[in-house]
N, C-alpha and C. Protein backbone atom coordinates (compact mmCIF):
# COMPACT_ATOMS: atom_id res chain seq x y z
N MET A 1 5.92 -1.16 -18.32
CA MET A 1 7.00 -1.53 -17.40
C MET A 1 7.49 -2.88 -17.79
N ASN A 2 8.82 -3.05 -17.99
CA ASN A 2 9.36 -4.34 -18.31
C ASN A 2 9.54 -5.26 -17.07
N ASP A 3 9.81 -6.47 -17.31
CA ASP A 3 9.81 -7.46 -16.12
C ASP A 3 10.85 -7.10 -15.12
N THR A 4 11.99 -6.59 -15.60
CA THR A 4 13.06 -6.23 -14.67
C THR A 4 12.62 -5.05 -13.72
N SER A 5 12.01 -4.06 -14.36
CA SER A 5 11.55 -2.93 -13.54
C SER A 5 10.40 -3.54 -12.51
N ARG A 6 9.56 -4.26 -13.07
CA ARG A 6 8.47 -4.80 -12.17
C ARG A 6 8.99 -5.52 -11.03
N THR A 7 10.00 -6.40 -11.19
CA THR A 7 10.45 -7.23 -10.14
C THR A 7 11.28 -6.32 -9.17
N ALA A 8 12.03 -5.23 -9.69
CA ALA A 8 12.61 -4.34 -8.83
C ALA A 8 11.74 -3.62 -7.86
N LEU A 9 10.63 -3.12 -8.59
CA LEU A 9 9.54 -2.42 -7.77
C LEU A 9 8.91 -3.27 -6.66
N ARG A 10 8.57 -4.63 -7.13
CA ARG A 10 8.04 -5.59 -6.23
C ARG A 10 8.98 -5.80 -5.02
N CYS A 11 10.32 -5.98 -5.24
CA CYS A 11 11.20 -6.13 -4.17
C CYS A 11 11.28 -4.91 -3.31
N ASP A 12 11.30 -3.66 -3.90
CA ASP A 12 11.44 -2.39 -3.15
C ASP A 12 10.25 -2.29 -2.20
N VAL A 13 9.04 -2.58 -2.70
CA VAL A 13 7.79 -2.45 -1.91
C VAL A 13 7.96 -3.51 -0.65
N GLY A 14 8.38 -4.65 -0.98
CA GLY A 14 8.47 -5.64 0.09
C GLY A 14 9.44 -5.25 1.09
N VAL A 15 10.59 -4.65 0.68
CA VAL A 15 11.47 -4.19 1.79
C VAL A 15 10.97 -3.13 2.59
N LYS A 16 10.20 -2.15 1.95
CA LYS A 16 9.48 -1.00 2.76
C LYS A 16 8.56 -1.65 3.73
N ILE A 17 7.74 -2.61 3.31
CA ILE A 17 6.79 -3.21 4.14
C ILE A 17 7.45 -3.81 5.43
N ARG A 18 8.56 -4.52 5.21
CA ARG A 18 9.25 -5.18 6.22
C ARG A 18 9.83 -4.12 7.16
N GLU A 19 10.45 -2.97 6.57
CA GLU A 19 11.04 -1.97 7.32
C GLU A 19 10.01 -1.38 8.30
N TRP A 20 8.84 -0.98 7.74
CA TRP A 20 7.81 -0.30 8.54
C TRP A 20 7.28 -1.36 9.59
N ARG A 21 7.05 -2.62 9.29
CA ARG A 21 6.57 -3.58 10.16
C ARG A 21 7.47 -3.80 11.40
N LEU A 22 8.81 -3.75 11.03
CA LEU A 22 9.78 -3.88 12.19
C LEU A 22 9.89 -2.54 13.01
N ARG A 23 9.70 -1.45 12.33
CA ARG A 23 9.75 -0.17 13.10
C ARG A 23 8.46 -0.27 14.03
N ARG A 24 7.41 -0.83 13.63
CA ARG A 24 6.10 -0.82 14.31
C ARG A 24 6.08 -1.91 15.38
N GLU A 25 7.23 -2.68 15.45
CA GLU A 25 7.31 -3.88 16.30
C GLU A 25 6.11 -4.87 16.10
N MET A 26 5.84 -5.12 14.85
CA MET A 26 4.71 -6.04 14.59
C MET A 26 5.24 -7.26 13.90
N SER A 27 4.57 -8.39 14.17
CA SER A 27 4.97 -9.58 13.53
C SER A 27 4.21 -9.67 12.09
N GLN A 28 4.62 -10.57 11.36
CA GLN A 28 3.94 -10.71 10.04
C GLN A 28 2.54 -11.11 10.31
N ALA A 29 2.33 -11.96 11.40
CA ALA A 29 0.91 -12.46 11.55
C ALA A 29 0.02 -11.24 11.92
N ASP A 30 0.64 -10.33 12.78
CA ASP A 30 -0.19 -9.15 13.12
C ASP A 30 -0.66 -8.38 11.88
N VAL A 31 0.35 -8.04 11.10
CA VAL A 31 0.06 -7.11 9.92
C VAL A 31 -0.92 -7.83 8.95
N ALA A 32 -0.60 -9.27 8.75
CA ALA A 32 -1.46 -9.95 7.91
C ALA A 32 -2.93 -9.97 8.32
N ARG A 33 -3.14 -10.12 9.62
CA ARG A 33 -4.46 -10.31 10.27
C ARG A 33 -5.27 -8.93 10.04
N ARG A 34 -4.53 -7.91 10.33
CA ARG A 34 -5.05 -6.58 10.24
C ARG A 34 -5.34 -6.15 8.73
N ALA A 35 -4.65 -6.71 7.86
CA ALA A 35 -4.79 -6.37 6.35
C ALA A 35 -5.66 -7.37 5.65
N GLY A 36 -6.10 -8.51 6.31
CA GLY A 36 -7.03 -9.28 5.85
C GLY A 36 -6.52 -10.33 4.89
N ILE A 37 -5.09 -10.58 5.09
CA ILE A 37 -4.52 -11.63 4.21
C ILE A 37 -3.76 -12.62 5.16
N THR A 38 -3.13 -13.62 4.41
CA THR A 38 -2.55 -14.65 5.20
C THR A 38 -1.09 -14.19 5.59
N GLN A 39 -0.57 -14.75 6.58
CA GLN A 39 0.93 -14.50 6.95
C GLN A 39 1.85 -15.06 5.76
N ALA A 40 1.51 -16.07 5.24
CA ALA A 40 2.26 -16.65 4.05
C ALA A 40 2.24 -15.60 2.86
N SER A 41 1.04 -14.97 2.50
CA SER A 41 1.02 -14.10 1.61
C SER A 41 1.85 -12.79 1.88
N LEU A 42 1.78 -12.26 3.15
CA LEU A 42 2.67 -11.17 3.57
C LEU A 42 4.08 -11.55 3.38
N SER A 43 4.47 -12.72 3.63
CA SER A 43 5.87 -13.13 3.56
C SER A 43 6.32 -13.11 2.14
N ASN A 44 5.44 -13.55 1.18
CA ASN A 44 5.73 -13.60 -0.14
C ASN A 44 5.94 -12.13 -0.64
N TYR A 45 5.09 -11.24 -0.26
CA TYR A 45 5.08 -9.83 -0.62
C TYR A 45 6.42 -9.19 -0.10
N GLU A 46 6.70 -9.42 1.12
CA GLU A 46 7.86 -8.88 1.68
C GLU A 46 9.20 -9.36 1.02
N ASN A 47 9.14 -10.63 0.51
CA ASN A 47 10.33 -11.18 -0.07
C ASN A 47 10.31 -11.01 -1.58
N GLY A 48 9.30 -10.23 -2.25
CA GLY A 48 9.32 -9.85 -3.52
C GLY A 48 8.94 -11.07 -4.45
N LYS A 49 8.28 -12.06 -3.98
CA LYS A 49 7.98 -13.26 -4.64
C LYS A 49 6.70 -13.09 -5.40
N ARG A 50 5.74 -12.21 -5.07
CA ARG A 50 4.49 -12.06 -5.65
C ARG A 50 4.15 -10.59 -5.80
N ASP A 51 3.34 -10.37 -6.97
CA ASP A 51 2.77 -9.03 -7.16
C ASP A 51 1.71 -8.84 -6.09
N MET A 52 1.51 -7.56 -5.55
CA MET A 52 0.55 -7.30 -4.75
C MET A 52 -0.66 -6.52 -5.38
N PRO A 53 -1.86 -6.98 -5.25
CA PRO A 53 -2.99 -6.10 -5.68
C PRO A 53 -3.08 -4.88 -5.00
N LEU A 54 -3.49 -3.74 -5.65
CA LEU A 54 -3.59 -2.46 -5.01
C LEU A 54 -4.45 -2.51 -3.68
N SER A 55 -5.61 -3.28 -3.72
CA SER A 55 -6.51 -3.38 -2.62
C SER A 55 -5.71 -3.99 -1.35
N THR A 56 -4.78 -5.02 -1.66
CA THR A 56 -3.98 -5.54 -0.68
C THR A 56 -2.90 -4.50 -0.10
N LEU A 57 -2.33 -3.80 -1.03
CA LEU A 57 -1.34 -2.77 -0.60
C LEU A 57 -2.02 -1.70 0.30
N ILE A 58 -3.24 -1.39 -0.01
CA ILE A 58 -4.05 -0.36 0.74
C ILE A 58 -4.16 -0.89 2.08
N GLY A 59 -4.57 -2.12 2.22
CA GLY A 59 -4.82 -2.91 3.42
C GLY A 59 -3.55 -2.99 4.34
N VAL A 60 -2.50 -3.35 3.71
CA VAL A 60 -1.14 -3.40 4.41
C VAL A 60 -0.89 -2.07 4.97
N ALA A 61 -0.93 -1.04 4.07
CA ALA A 61 -0.57 0.46 4.54
C ALA A 61 -1.34 0.67 5.73
N SER A 62 -2.68 0.44 5.69
CA SER A 62 -3.59 0.70 6.75
C SER A 62 -3.25 0.00 8.07
N ALA A 63 -2.90 -1.28 7.87
CA ALA A 63 -2.52 -2.12 9.07
C ALA A 63 -1.07 -1.60 9.65
N LEU A 64 -0.22 -1.00 8.89
CA LEU A 64 0.97 -0.49 9.31
C LEU A 64 0.70 0.99 9.79
N ASN A 65 -0.39 1.61 9.54
CA ASN A 65 -0.61 2.93 9.85
C ASN A 65 0.33 3.91 9.10
N VAL A 66 0.54 3.70 7.88
CA VAL A 66 1.50 4.44 6.87
C VAL A 66 0.71 4.78 5.55
N SER A 67 1.15 5.83 4.86
CA SER A 67 0.52 6.05 3.62
C SER A 67 1.09 5.14 2.55
N LEU A 68 0.42 5.16 1.37
CA LEU A 68 0.85 4.43 0.20
C LEU A 68 2.28 4.96 -0.21
N GLY A 69 2.35 6.24 -0.08
CA GLY A 69 3.49 6.88 -0.33
C GLY A 69 4.73 6.55 0.37
N ASP A 70 4.43 6.16 1.58
CA ASP A 70 5.59 5.64 2.43
C ASP A 70 6.05 4.29 1.92
N LEU A 71 5.11 3.48 1.42
CA LEU A 71 5.51 2.20 0.95
C LEU A 71 6.08 2.12 -0.46
N LEU A 72 5.66 3.13 -1.30
CA LEU A 72 5.95 3.22 -2.66
C LEU A 72 7.11 4.40 -2.81
N GLU A 73 7.55 4.97 -1.69
CA GLU A 73 8.58 6.10 -1.82
C GLU A 73 8.12 7.11 -2.81
N LEU A 74 6.83 7.57 -2.64
CA LEU A 74 6.23 8.67 -3.47
C LEU A 74 6.03 9.85 -2.65
N PRO A 75 6.06 11.08 -3.19
CA PRO A 75 5.65 12.20 -2.49
C PRO A 75 4.06 12.01 -2.13
N ASP A 76 3.79 12.74 -0.93
CA ASP A 76 2.50 12.61 -0.43
C ASP A 76 1.28 12.86 -1.49
N VAL A 77 1.59 13.76 -2.33
CA VAL A 77 0.40 14.10 -3.32
C VAL A 77 0.77 14.06 -4.76
N ILE A 78 0.57 12.80 -5.28
CA ILE A 78 0.73 12.66 -6.69
C ILE A 78 -0.31 11.67 -7.08
N VAL A 79 -1.26 12.10 -7.85
CA VAL A 79 -2.23 11.21 -8.41
C VAL A 79 -2.38 11.56 -9.93
N VAL A 80 -2.03 10.58 -10.68
CA VAL A 80 -2.15 10.66 -12.16
C VAL A 80 -3.50 10.31 -12.61
N ARG A 81 -4.13 11.18 -13.28
CA ARG A 81 -5.54 10.98 -13.84
C ARG A 81 -5.48 9.68 -14.71
N ASN A 82 -6.43 8.87 -14.76
CA ASN A 82 -6.53 7.78 -15.66
C ASN A 82 -5.63 6.75 -15.32
N SER A 83 -4.87 6.71 -14.17
CA SER A 83 -4.02 5.68 -13.68
C SER A 83 -4.80 4.79 -12.69
N LEU A 84 -4.33 3.57 -12.44
CA LEU A 84 -5.04 2.72 -11.44
C LEU A 84 -5.26 3.38 -10.13
N LEU A 85 -4.09 4.09 -9.67
CA LEU A 85 -4.35 4.83 -8.27
C LEU A 85 -5.25 6.00 -8.57
N GLY A 86 -5.15 6.79 -9.64
CA GLY A 86 -6.13 7.81 -9.85
C GLY A 86 -7.59 7.34 -9.83
N ARG A 87 -7.91 6.23 -10.36
CA ARG A 87 -9.19 5.68 -10.43
C ARG A 87 -9.65 5.49 -8.99
N ALA A 88 -8.65 4.75 -8.27
CA ALA A 88 -9.00 4.30 -6.87
C ALA A 88 -9.31 5.50 -6.00
N VAL A 89 -8.60 6.57 -6.10
CA VAL A 89 -8.79 7.83 -5.40
C VAL A 89 -10.14 8.37 -5.79
N GLU A 90 -10.34 8.40 -7.04
CA GLU A 90 -11.68 8.90 -7.53
C GLU A 90 -12.87 8.19 -6.98
N GLN A 91 -12.78 6.77 -6.90
CA GLN A 91 -13.87 6.05 -6.30
C GLN A 91 -13.97 6.29 -4.83
N LEU A 92 -12.83 6.42 -4.16
CA LEU A 92 -12.91 6.80 -2.73
C LEU A 92 -13.52 8.13 -2.46
N ARG A 93 -13.16 9.14 -3.37
CA ARG A 93 -13.80 10.59 -3.23
C ARG A 93 -15.16 10.54 -3.58
N ASP A 94 -15.69 9.65 -4.36
CA ASP A 94 -17.15 9.60 -4.75
C ASP A 94 -17.91 8.98 -3.60
N ARG A 95 -17.28 8.25 -2.72
CA ARG A 95 -18.01 7.71 -1.65
C ARG A 95 -18.04 8.53 -0.33
N MET A 96 -17.14 9.46 -0.41
CA MET A 96 -17.01 10.32 0.88
C MET A 96 -17.81 11.59 0.77
N PRO A 97 -18.58 11.81 1.84
CA PRO A 97 -19.32 13.10 1.88
C PRO A 97 -18.47 14.35 1.71
N SER A 98 -18.82 15.35 0.98
CA SER A 98 -18.05 16.43 0.57
C SER A 98 -17.35 17.15 1.84
N GLY A 99 -18.06 17.30 2.91
CA GLY A 99 -17.53 17.88 4.02
C GLY A 99 -16.32 17.10 4.61
N GLU A 100 -16.45 15.84 4.61
CA GLU A 100 -15.34 14.90 5.06
C GLU A 100 -14.17 15.05 4.16
N LEU A 101 -14.49 15.13 2.80
CA LEU A 101 -13.36 15.33 1.84
C LEU A 101 -12.52 16.55 2.09
N ALA A 102 -13.21 17.69 2.40
CA ALA A 102 -12.64 18.98 2.72
C ALA A 102 -11.67 18.72 3.91
N GLU A 103 -12.20 18.17 4.80
CA GLU A 103 -11.51 17.91 6.21
C GLU A 103 -10.26 17.01 5.85
N ALA A 104 -10.51 16.00 5.07
CA ALA A 104 -9.25 15.05 4.85
C ALA A 104 -8.21 15.74 3.96
N ALA A 105 -8.54 16.80 3.14
CA ALA A 105 -7.52 17.52 2.42
C ALA A 105 -6.77 18.44 3.22
N VAL A 106 -7.06 18.81 4.42
CA VAL A 106 -6.41 19.70 5.21
C VAL A 106 -5.31 19.06 5.86
């Protein structure tokens, strides 16, 4: 991914975070606290000033009660094997008892 694409994606994700935060009628401080980051960091992410680690993106999505797909504008079920997201999903799957995994898939 070139720098221009990366910057555009960073800005797009930031806009989506802000849209969902405002839809949920939450302040930056509320979302940041729930996601375990500072309000200043969330502001930088929303404004496209900083790249967001996947772990932080997951925390922000959880704080907003939305899926990663909602923030990344992805279909609900796309996981590319050997990708960063694919490895994260595999790690989560490995930690979850098989019965819970079956329930989560429904």
